[in-house]
Amino acid sequence: MGDTKDSHFWDSLLTFAVGAAAGFIVGILVAPASGQETRKKIKDQAAKTGEAAKESYEKLTKEAEKGIRVVKEKTGEGVDAIRDFIEKKREELLQKAEEKK
């Protein structure tokens, strides 16, 4: 359930960023400025948006790596618990077998 909320957050953030960038570009295009000024503003905004996207991607990647580590740890703990259980049952069976002899 937490994954759904996280996914919704990132989807919403991406949608907001794309909308903000589109609004900025439309605003620049209809504002009275020379072509050179307009191109510079668009280039600057594209660089900022690209940097923000890169930072968001890096953050998302770190969170995913953290989640993978947690899953690996929990899986390892589960495997260890199963091994311990099997070993305990094996010893109990061996002990019962010895008692029957």
N, C-alpha and C. Protein backbone atom coordinates (compact mmCIF):
# COMPACT_ATOMS: atom_id res chain seq x y z
N MET A 1 0.83 -1.19 0.00
CA MET A 1 0.00 0.00 0.00
C MET A 1 0.87 1.25 0.00
N GLY A 2 1.97 1.23 0.71
CA GLY A 2 2.89 2.35 0.75
C GLY A 2 3.51 2.59 -0.61
N ASP A 3 3.72 1.50 -1.38
CA ASP A 3 4.29 1.65 -2.70
C ASP A 3 3.35 2.44 -3.61
N THR A 4 2.05 2.22 -3.47
CA THR A 4 1.07 2.92 -4.28
C THR A 4 1.11 4.42 -3.99
N LYS A 5 1.22 4.78 -2.71
CA LYS A 5 1.29 6.19 -2.34
C LYS A 5 2.56 6.82 -2.89
N ASP A 6 3.70 6.11 -2.78
CA ASP A 6 4.96 6.62 -3.30
C ASP A 6 4.89 6.80 -4.81
N SER A 7 4.31 5.82 -5.49
CA SER A 7 4.17 5.88 -6.94
C SER A 7 3.28 7.06 -7.33
N HIS A 8 2.19 7.23 -6.60
CA HIS A 8 1.27 8.35 -6.88
C HIS A 8 1.98 9.68 -6.67
N PHE A 9 2.79 9.78 -5.62
CA PHE A 9 3.54 11.00 -5.34
C PHE A 9 4.47 11.34 -6.50
N TRP A 10 5.24 10.33 -6.96
CA TRP A 10 6.20 10.59 -8.04
C TRP A 10 5.48 10.90 -9.34
N ASP A 11 4.36 10.22 -9.60
CA ASP A 11 3.57 10.53 -10.79
C ASP A 11 3.06 11.96 -10.74
N SER A 12 2.56 12.36 -9.57
CA SER A 12 2.06 13.72 -9.40
C SER A 12 3.17 14.75 -9.55
N LEU A 13 4.33 14.45 -8.97
CA LEU A 13 5.47 15.36 -9.06
C LEU A 13 5.92 15.51 -10.51
N LEU A 14 5.98 14.41 -11.24
CA LEU A 14 6.38 14.46 -12.64
C LEU A 14 5.37 15.26 -13.45
N THR A 15 4.09 15.01 -13.22
CA THR A 15 3.04 15.74 -13.93
C THR A 15 3.14 17.23 -13.65
N PHE A 16 3.36 17.58 -12.39
CA PHE A 16 3.51 19.00 -12.03
C PHE A 16 4.71 19.62 -12.73
N ALA A 17 5.85 18.91 -12.73
CA ALA A 17 7.07 19.44 -13.35
C ALA A 17 6.88 19.65 -14.85
N VAL A 18 6.25 18.69 -15.51
CA VAL A 18 6.01 18.81 -16.95
C VAL A 18 5.05 19.98 -17.22
N GLY A 19 4.02 20.08 -16.41
CA GLY A 19 3.06 21.19 -16.58
C GLY A 19 3.71 22.54 -16.34
N ALA A 20 4.54 22.62 -15.31
CA ALA A 20 5.23 23.88 -15.02
C ALA A 20 6.17 24.25 -16.15
N ALA A 21 6.89 23.27 -16.68
CA ALA A 21 7.82 23.54 -17.79
C ALA A 21 7.05 23.99 -19.03
N ALA A 22 5.95 23.31 -19.32
CA ALA A 22 5.15 23.69 -20.48
C ALA A 22 4.57 25.10 -20.31
N GLY A 23 4.08 25.39 -19.13
CA GLY A 23 3.54 26.73 -18.87
C GLY A 23 4.61 27.81 -19.00
N PHE A 24 5.78 27.50 -18.52
CA PHE A 24 6.88 28.45 -18.63
C PHE A 24 7.22 28.72 -20.10
N ILE A 25 7.32 27.65 -20.87
CA ILE A 25 7.68 27.81 -22.29
C ILE A 25 6.61 28.60 -23.03
N VAL A 26 5.35 28.29 -22.79
CA VAL A 26 4.26 29.04 -23.44
C VAL A 26 4.33 30.50 -23.02
N GLY A 27 4.57 30.75 -21.74
CA GLY A 27 4.68 32.13 -21.26
C GLY A 27 5.82 32.87 -21.93
N ILE A 28 6.93 32.20 -22.11
CA ILE A 28 8.09 32.82 -22.77
C ILE A 28 7.77 33.12 -24.23
N LEU A 29 7.11 32.18 -24.90
CA LEU A 29 6.83 32.35 -26.32
C LEU A 29 5.85 33.49 -26.61
N VAL A 30 4.94 33.74 -25.70
CA VAL A 30 3.96 34.81 -25.95
C VAL A 30 4.40 36.14 -25.34
N ALA A 31 5.44 36.14 -24.53
CA ALA A 31 5.93 37.38 -23.93
C ALA A 31 6.73 38.17 -24.98
N PRO A 32 6.64 39.50 -24.92
CA PRO A 32 7.39 40.31 -25.89
C PRO A 32 8.88 40.32 -25.53
N ALA A 33 9.67 39.59 -26.31
CA ALA A 33 11.12 39.56 -26.13
C ALA A 33 11.74 39.19 -27.47
N SER A 34 13.01 39.50 -27.61
CA SER A 34 13.69 39.16 -28.86
C SER A 34 13.85 37.65 -28.93
N GLY A 35 14.09 37.15 -30.12
CA GLY A 35 14.29 35.73 -30.32
C GLY A 35 15.47 35.21 -29.51
N GLN A 36 16.53 36.00 -29.47
CA GLN A 36 17.72 35.58 -28.74
C GLN A 36 17.41 35.47 -27.24
N GLU A 37 16.70 36.45 -26.69
CA GLU A 37 16.33 36.40 -25.28
C GLU A 37 15.41 35.20 -25.00
N THR A 38 14.46 34.97 -25.89
CA THR A 38 13.52 33.86 -25.72
C THR A 38 14.26 32.53 -25.73
N ARG A 39 15.17 32.35 -26.70
CA ARG A 39 15.93 31.10 -26.77
C ARG A 39 16.78 30.90 -25.51
N LYS A 40 17.37 31.98 -25.01
CA LYS A 40 18.19 31.88 -23.80
C LYS A 40 17.32 31.48 -22.61
N LYS A 41 16.14 32.09 -22.48
CA LYS A 41 15.25 31.75 -21.37
C LYS A 41 14.82 30.28 -21.44
N ILE A 42 14.49 29.84 -22.65
CA ILE A 42 14.07 28.44 -22.83
C ILE A 42 15.22 27.50 -22.50
N LYS A 43 16.41 27.86 -22.97
CA LYS A 43 17.58 27.02 -22.71
C LYS A 43 17.86 26.95 -21.20
N ASP A 44 17.79 28.09 -20.52
CA ASP A 44 18.02 28.11 -19.08
C ASP A 44 16.99 27.27 -18.33
N GLN A 45 15.72 27.43 -18.72
CA GLN A 45 14.66 26.67 -18.05
C GLN A 45 14.80 25.18 -18.33
N ALA A 46 15.17 24.83 -19.55
CA ALA A 46 15.37 23.42 -19.89
C ALA A 46 16.50 22.83 -19.04
N ALA A 47 17.55 23.60 -18.83
CA ALA A 47 18.67 23.13 -18.01
C ALA A 47 18.21 22.92 -16.56
N LYS A 48 17.42 23.87 -16.04
CA LYS A 48 16.91 23.74 -14.67
C LYS A 48 16.01 22.52 -14.54
N THR A 49 15.12 22.34 -15.52
CA THR A 49 14.19 21.21 -15.49
C THR A 49 14.95 19.89 -15.60
N GLY A 50 15.95 19.86 -16.47
CA GLY A 50 16.78 18.66 -16.61
C GLY A 50 17.50 18.34 -15.32
N GLU A 51 18.02 19.36 -14.66
CA GLU A 51 18.73 19.16 -13.39
C GLU A 51 17.76 18.63 -12.33
N ALA A 52 16.56 19.20 -12.29
CA ALA A 52 15.55 18.74 -11.32
C ALA A 52 15.16 17.29 -11.59
N ALA A 53 15.00 16.95 -12.87
CA ALA A 53 14.65 15.57 -13.23
C ALA A 53 15.78 14.62 -12.83
N LYS A 54 17.01 15.04 -13.05
CA LYS A 54 18.17 14.21 -12.69
C LYS A 54 18.20 13.98 -11.18
N GLU A 55 17.97 15.04 -10.41
CA GLU A 55 17.97 14.91 -8.95
C GLU A 55 16.85 13.99 -8.49
N SER A 56 15.67 14.12 -9.10
CA SER A 56 14.55 13.26 -8.74
C SER A 56 14.86 11.81 -9.07
N TYR A 57 15.47 11.58 -10.22
CA TYR A 57 15.84 10.23 -10.62
C TYR A 57 16.86 9.64 -9.65
N GLU A 58 17.85 10.43 -9.28
CA GLU A 58 18.87 9.95 -8.34
C GLU A 58 18.25 9.61 -6.98
N LYS A 59 17.33 10.46 -6.53
CA LYS A 59 16.67 10.20 -5.25
C LYS A 59 15.83 8.93 -5.34
N LEU A 60 15.10 8.78 -6.42
CA LEU A 60 14.27 7.59 -6.61
C LEU A 60 15.14 6.34 -6.68
N THR A 61 16.28 6.44 -7.36
CA THR A 61 17.20 5.31 -7.47
C THR A 61 17.73 4.91 -6.10
N LYS A 62 18.11 5.90 -5.28
CA LYS A 62 18.61 5.61 -3.94
C LYS A 62 17.54 4.93 -3.09
N GLU A 63 16.30 5.41 -3.19
CA GLU A 63 15.20 4.82 -2.44
C GLU A 63 14.95 3.38 -2.89
N ALA A 64 15.04 3.14 -4.21
CA ALA A 64 14.83 1.79 -4.73
C ALA A 64 15.94 0.87 -4.23
N GLU A 65 17.18 1.35 -4.25
CA GLU A 65 18.30 0.55 -3.76
C GLU A 65 18.12 0.22 -2.27
N LYS A 66 17.65 1.20 -1.53
CA LYS A 66 17.41 0.99 -0.10
C LYS A 66 16.33 -0.09 0.08
N GLY A 67 15.27 -0.02 -0.71
CA GLY A 67 14.21 -1.02 -0.64
C GLY A 67 14.71 -2.41 -0.99
N ILE A 68 15.57 -2.48 -1.99
CA ILE A 68 16.13 -3.77 -2.40
C ILE A 68 16.98 -4.35 -1.28
N ARG A 69 17.78 -3.50 -0.62
CA ARG A 69 18.60 -3.97 0.50
C ARG A 69 17.72 -4.53 1.62
N VAL A 70 16.64 -3.83 1.91
CA VAL A 70 15.73 -4.29 2.98
C VAL A 70 15.13 -5.64 2.61
N VAL A 71 14.69 -5.77 1.37
CA VAL A 71 14.10 -7.04 0.93
C VAL A 71 15.13 -8.16 1.03
N LYS A 72 16.36 -7.89 0.59
CA LYS A 72 17.41 -8.91 0.68
C LYS A 72 17.66 -9.31 2.14
N GLU A 73 17.72 -8.33 3.03
CA GLU A 73 17.94 -8.63 4.44
C GLU A 73 16.81 -9.48 5.01
N LYS A 74 15.58 -9.08 4.71
CA LYS A 74 14.42 -9.82 5.23
C LYS A 74 14.38 -11.23 4.65
N THR A 75 14.71 -11.34 3.36
CA THR A 75 14.74 -12.67 2.73
C THR A 75 15.80 -13.53 3.39
N GLY A 76 16.97 -12.95 3.64
CA GLY A 76 18.04 -13.69 4.32
C GLY A 76 17.62 -14.14 5.70
N GLU A 77 16.94 -13.27 6.42
CA GLU A 77 16.45 -13.63 7.75
C GLU A 77 15.45 -14.78 7.67
N GLY A 78 14.58 -14.71 6.66
CA GLY A 78 13.60 -15.78 6.48
C GLY A 78 14.25 -17.11 6.16
N VAL A 79 15.24 -17.07 5.28
CA VAL A 79 15.97 -18.29 4.92
C VAL A 79 16.68 -18.86 6.15
N ASP A 80 17.31 -18.00 6.93
CA ASP A 80 17.98 -18.45 8.15
C ASP A 80 16.99 -19.10 9.12
N ALA A 81 15.83 -18.49 9.27
CA ALA A 81 14.82 -19.04 10.17
C ALA A 81 14.35 -20.41 9.69
N ILE A 82 14.18 -20.56 8.38
CA ILE A 82 13.76 -21.85 7.82
C ILE A 82 14.85 -22.89 8.04
N ARG A 83 16.10 -22.52 7.82
CA ARG A 83 17.21 -23.45 8.04
C ARG A 83 17.26 -23.90 9.51
N ASP A 84 17.11 -22.94 10.41
CA ASP A 84 17.12 -23.27 11.83
C ASP A 84 15.98 -24.24 12.18
N PHE A 85 14.80 -23.97 11.63
CA PHE A 85 13.64 -24.82 11.87
C PHE A 85 13.89 -26.24 11.36
N ILE A 86 14.41 -26.33 10.14
CA ILE A 86 14.68 -27.65 9.55
C ILE A 86 15.73 -28.39 10.36
N GLU A 87 16.77 -27.69 10.76
CA GLU A 87 17.82 -28.33 11.55
C GLU A 87 17.27 -28.82 12.90
N LYS A 88 16.43 -28.02 13.52
CA LYS A 88 15.83 -28.41 14.80
C LYS A 88 14.97 -29.66 14.61
N LYS A 89 14.15 -29.68 13.56
CA LYS A 89 13.28 -30.84 13.30
C LYS A 89 14.12 -32.07 12.96
N ARG A 90 15.20 -31.89 12.23
CA ARG A 90 16.10 -33.00 11.89
C ARG A 90 16.68 -33.60 13.16
N GLU A 91 17.13 -32.73 14.06
CA GLU A 91 17.70 -33.21 15.32
C GLU A 91 16.66 -33.94 16.16
N GLU A 92 15.42 -33.42 16.16
CA GLU A 92 14.35 -34.09 16.91
C GLU A 92 14.07 -35.48 16.33
N LEU A 93 14.04 -35.58 15.00
CA LEU A 93 13.80 -36.87 14.37
C LEU A 93 14.93 -37.85 14.66
N LEU A 94 16.17 -37.36 14.60
CA LEU A 94 17.31 -38.22 14.91
C LEU A 94 17.25 -38.70 16.35
N GLN A 95 16.86 -37.80 17.23
CA GLN A 95 16.76 -38.17 18.65
C GLN A 95 15.67 -39.21 18.86
N LYS A 96 14.53 -39.05 18.21
CA LYS A 96 13.44 -40.03 18.32
C LYS A 96 13.87 -41.37 17.75
N ALA A 97 14.61 -41.32 16.66
CA ALA A 97 15.08 -42.56 16.04
C ALA A 97 16.04 -43.28 16.99
N GLU A 98 16.89 -42.53 17.66
CA GLU A 98 17.82 -43.12 18.61
C GLU A 98 17.08 -43.72 19.79
N GLU A 99 16.03 -43.04 20.26
CA GLU A 99 15.26 -43.54 21.38
C GLU A 99 14.54 -44.85 21.04
N LYS A 100 14.13 -45.02 19.80
CA LYS A 100 13.43 -46.22 19.39
C LYS A 100 14.37 -47.40 19.27
N LYS A 101 15.64 -47.18 19.11
CA LYS A 101 16.61 -48.28 19.00
C LYS A 101 16.82 -48.87 20.32
